Amino acid sequence: MAVTDVTTSTFPAEVLEADKLVVVDYWADWCGPCKQLSPIVEELSNTYAGQVKFVKVDTSAETTLAADRGILSLPTLEFIKGGEIVQSISGGKSKNALKKVIEEHL
């Protein structure tokens, strides 16, 4: 299962109205730690296929969405369930740290 790119127009349907846990990866092309986190997010999207939805937001292209969501540092991951943020973490994290957060909210 791939990680889906979302935009300002697709964010409500893809994320806020989703019927499962959604992990939103806010990233930018110039962000080194984002590039390190990206393959981990891709791998987790395969591990949790069908259970968790993984999406990413390019904050360079979607500046308004990032600002509206209050994203101040990159990378930031939001864990959203039922349209509400259940957890938000910033900075590079290990795969095991992310798995722990996902398991808490499944």
C-alpha atoms as a PDB file:
ATOM      1  CA  MET A   1       0.000   0.000   0.000  1.00  0.00           C
ATOM      2  CA  ALA A   2       1.411   3.328  -1.024  1.00  0.00           C
ATOM      3  CA  VAL A   3       1.487   6.608   0.835  1.00  0.00           C
ATOM      4  CA  THR A   4      -1.011   9.002  -0.764  1.00  0.00           C
ATOM      5  CA  ASP A   5      -0.192  12.650  -1.476  1.00  0.00           C
ATOM      6  CA  VAL A   6      -2.907  14.946  -0.153  1.00  0.00           C
ATOM      7  CA  THR A   7      -3.612  18.586  -0.930  1.00  0.00           C
ATOM      8  CA  THR A   8      -5.752  21.302   0.597  1.00  0.00           C
ATOM      9  CA  SER A   9      -8.694  20.126  -1.523  1.00  0.00           C
ATOM     10  CA  THR A  10      -8.330  16.386  -0.795  1.00  0.00           C
ATOM     11  CA  PHE A  11      -7.349  16.651   2.902  1.00  0.00           C
ATOM     12  CA  PRO A  12     -10.914  16.703   4.346  1.00  0.00           C
ATOM     13  CA  ALA A  13     -12.079  13.579   2.480  1.00  0.00           C
ATOM     14  CA  GLU A  14      -8.793  11.658   2.689  1.00  0.00           C
ATOM     15  CA  VAL A  15      -7.956  12.468   6.317  1.00  0.00           C
ATOM     16  CA  LEU A  16     -10.752  14.017   8.359  1.00  0.00           C
ATOM     17  CA  GLU A  17     -13.508  11.729   7.019  1.00  0.00           C
ATOM     18  CA  ALA A  18     -11.429   8.527   7.009  1.00  0.00           C
ATOM     19  CA  ASP A  19     -12.887   5.543   8.879  1.00  0.00           C
ATOM     20  CA  LYS A  20      -9.521   4.444  10.311  1.00  0.00           C
ATOM     21  CA  LEU A  21      -6.398   5.878  11.888  1.00  0.00           C
ATOM     22  CA  VAL A  22      -4.605   8.232   9.483  1.00  0.00           C
ATOM     23  CA  VAL A  23      -0.913   9.095   9.738  1.00  0.00           C
ATOM     24  CA  VAL A  24      -0.170  12.436   8.066  1.00  0.00           C
ATOM     25  CA  ASP A  25       3.485  13.061   7.183  1.00  0.00           C
ATOM     26  CA  TYR A  26       4.217  16.781   6.727  1.00  0.00           C
ATOM     27  CA  TRP A  27       7.462  17.108   4.771  1.00  0.00           C
ATOM     28  CA  ALA A  28       9.441  19.288   2.350  1.00  0.00           C
ATOM     29  CA  ASP A  29      12.010  18.506  -0.306  1.00  0.00           C
ATOM     30  CA  TRP A  30      14.698  20.618   1.409  1.00  0.00           C
ATOM     31  CA  CYS A  31      14.241  18.838   4.781  1.00  0.00           C
ATOM     32  CA  GLY A  32      16.987  16.267   5.496  1.00  0.00           C
ATOM     33  CA  PRO A  33      15.221  14.506   8.400  1.00  0.00           C
ATOM     34  CA  CYS A  34      12.072  14.267   6.215  1.00  0.00           C
ATOM     35  CA  LYS A  35      14.043  12.283   3.648  1.00  0.00           C
ATOM     36  CA  GLN A  36      15.240   9.913   6.394  1.00  0.00           C
ATOM     37  CA  LEU A  37      11.693   9.463   7.719  1.00  0.00           C
ATOM     38  CA  SER A  38      10.063   8.888   4.324  1.00  0.00           C
ATOM     39  CA  PRO A  39      11.229   5.259   3.772  1.00  0.00           C
ATOM     40  CA  ILE A  40      10.149   4.377   7.332  1.00  0.00           C
ATOM     41  CA  VAL A  41       6.659   5.771   6.640  1.00  0.00           C
ATOM     42  CA  GLU A  42       6.556   3.824   3.348  1.00  0.00           C
ATOM     43  CA  GLU A  43       7.553   0.611   5.142  1.00  0.00           C
ATOM     44  CA  LEU A  44       4.947   1.136   7.873  1.00  0.00           C
ATOM     45  CA  SER A  45       2.280   1.731   5.203  1.00  0.00           C
ATOM     46  CA  ASN A  46       2.950  -1.828   4.029  1.00  0.00           C
ATOM     47  CA  THR A  47       3.063  -3.247   7.567  1.00  0.00           C
ATOM     48  CA  TYR A  48      -0.305  -1.682   8.477  1.00  0.00           C
ATOM     49  CA  ALA A  49      -2.001  -1.934   5.060  1.00  0.00           C
ATOM     50  CA  GLY A  50      -5.770  -2.059   5.539  1.00  0.00           C
ATOM     51  CA  GLN A  51      -5.537  -0.974   9.188  1.00  0.00           C
ATOM     52  CA  VAL A  52      -3.972   2.479   8.930  1.00  0.00           C
ATOM     53  CA  LYS A  53      -4.041   5.055   6.150  1.00  0.00           C
ATOM     54  CA  PHE A  54      -0.785   6.878   5.415  1.00  0.00           C
ATOM     55  CA  VAL A  55      -0.753  10.226   3.618  1.00  0.00           C
ATOM     56  CA  LYS A  56       1.833  12.937   3.076  1.00  0.00           C
ATOM     57  CA  VAL A  57       1.623  16.686   2.642  1.00  0.00           C
ATOM     58  CA  ASP A  58       4.322  18.568   0.724  1.00  0.00           C
ATOM     59  CA  THR A  59       4.460  21.725   2.853  1.00  0.00           C
ATOM     60  CA  SER A  60       6.351  23.635   0.128  1.00  0.00           C
ATOM     61  CA  ALA A  61       3.412  23.135  -2.258  1.00  0.00           C
ATOM     62  CA  GLU A  62       0.658  23.212   0.397  1.00  0.00           C
ATOM     63  CA  THR A  63       1.748  26.202   2.505  1.00  0.00           C
ATOM     64  CA  THR A  64      -1.819  27.194   3.410  1.00  0.00           C
ATOM     65  CA  LEU A  65      -2.716  23.689   4.597  1.00  0.00           C
ATOM     66  CA  ALA A  66       0.460  23.478   6.696  1.00  0.00           C
ATOM     67  CA  ALA A  67      -0.250  26.902   8.218  1.00  0.00           C
ATOM     68  CA  ASP A  68      -3.912  26.035   8.892  1.00  0.00           C
ATOM     69  CA  ARG A  69      -2.806  22.830  10.653  1.00  0.00           C
ATOM     70  CA  GLY A  70      -0.257  24.736  12.755  1.00  0.00           C
ATOM     71  CA  ILE A  71       2.763  22.865  11.412  1.00  0.00           C
ATOM     72  CA  LEU A  72       5.827  24.712  12.715  1.00  0.00           C
ATOM     73  CA  SER A  73       8.636  22.185  12.257  1.00  0.00           C
ATOM     74  CA  LEU A  74       9.450  19.387   9.849  1.00  0.00           C
ATOM     75  CA  PRO A  75       9.042  16.551   9.743  1.00  0.00           C
ATOM     76  CA  THR A  76       5.798  16.436  11.711  1.00  0.00           C
ATOM     77  CA  LEU A  77       3.537  13.402  11.900  1.00  0.00           C
ATOM     78  CA  GLU A  78      -0.096  13.787  12.930  1.00  0.00           C
ATOM     79  CA  PHE A  79      -2.074  10.735  14.013  1.00  0.00           C
ATOM     80  CA  ILE A  80      -5.735  11.453  13.269  1.00  0.00           C
ATOM     81  CA  LYS A  81      -8.725   9.333  14.219  1.00  0.00           C
ATOM     82  CA  GLY A  82     -12.335  10.352  13.629  1.00  0.00           C
ATOM     83  CA  GLY A  83     -11.177  13.731  12.328  1.00  0.00           C
ATOM     84  CA  GLU A  84      -9.345  14.547  15.576  1.00  0.00           C
ATOM     85  CA  ILE A  85      -5.600  14.627  16.260  1.00  0.00           C
ATOM     86  CA  VAL A  86      -4.867  11.882  18.802  1.00  0.00           C
ATOM     87  CA  GLN A  87      -1.122  12.499  18.749  1.00  0.00           C
ATOM     88  CA  SER A  88       1.417  14.690  16.971  1.00  0.00           C
ATOM     89  CA  ILE A  89       5.184  14.211  16.896  1.00  0.00           C
ATOM     90  CA  SER A  90       7.931  16.289  15.325  1.00  0.00           C
ATOM     91  CA  GLY A  91      11.437  15.402  14.246  1.00  0.00           C
ATOM     92  CA  GLY A  92      12.991  12.180  13.076  1.00  0.00           C
ATOM     93  CA  LYS A  93      11.787   9.033  14.832  1.00  0.00           C
ATOM     94  CA  SER A  94      12.751   5.382  14.632  1.00  0.00           C
ATOM     95  CA  LYS A  95      10.462   2.786  13.086  1.00  0.00           C
ATOM     96  CA  ASN A  96       9.921   1.180  16.497  1.00  0.00           C
ATOM     97  CA  ALA A  97       8.941   4.524  18.059  1.00  0.00           C
ATOM     98  CA  LEU A  98       6.371   5.080  15.307  1.00  0.00           C
ATOM     99  CA  LYS A  99       5.038   1.526  15.571  1.00  0.00           C
ATOM    100  CA  LYS A 100       4.488   2.077  19.291  1.00  0.00           C
ATOM    101  CA  VAL A 101       2.412   5.206  18.639  1.00  0.00           C
ATOM    102  CA  ILE A 102       0.384   3.457  15.907  1.00  0.00           C
ATOM    103  CA  GLU A 103      -0.291   0.426  18.133  1.00  0.00           C
ATOM    104  CA  GLU A 104      -1.522   2.749  20.919  1.00  0.00           C
ATOM    105  CA  HIS A 105      -4.200   4.192  18.639  1.00  0.00           C
ATOM    106  CA  LEU A 106      -5.331   1.134  16.692  1.00  0.00           C
END
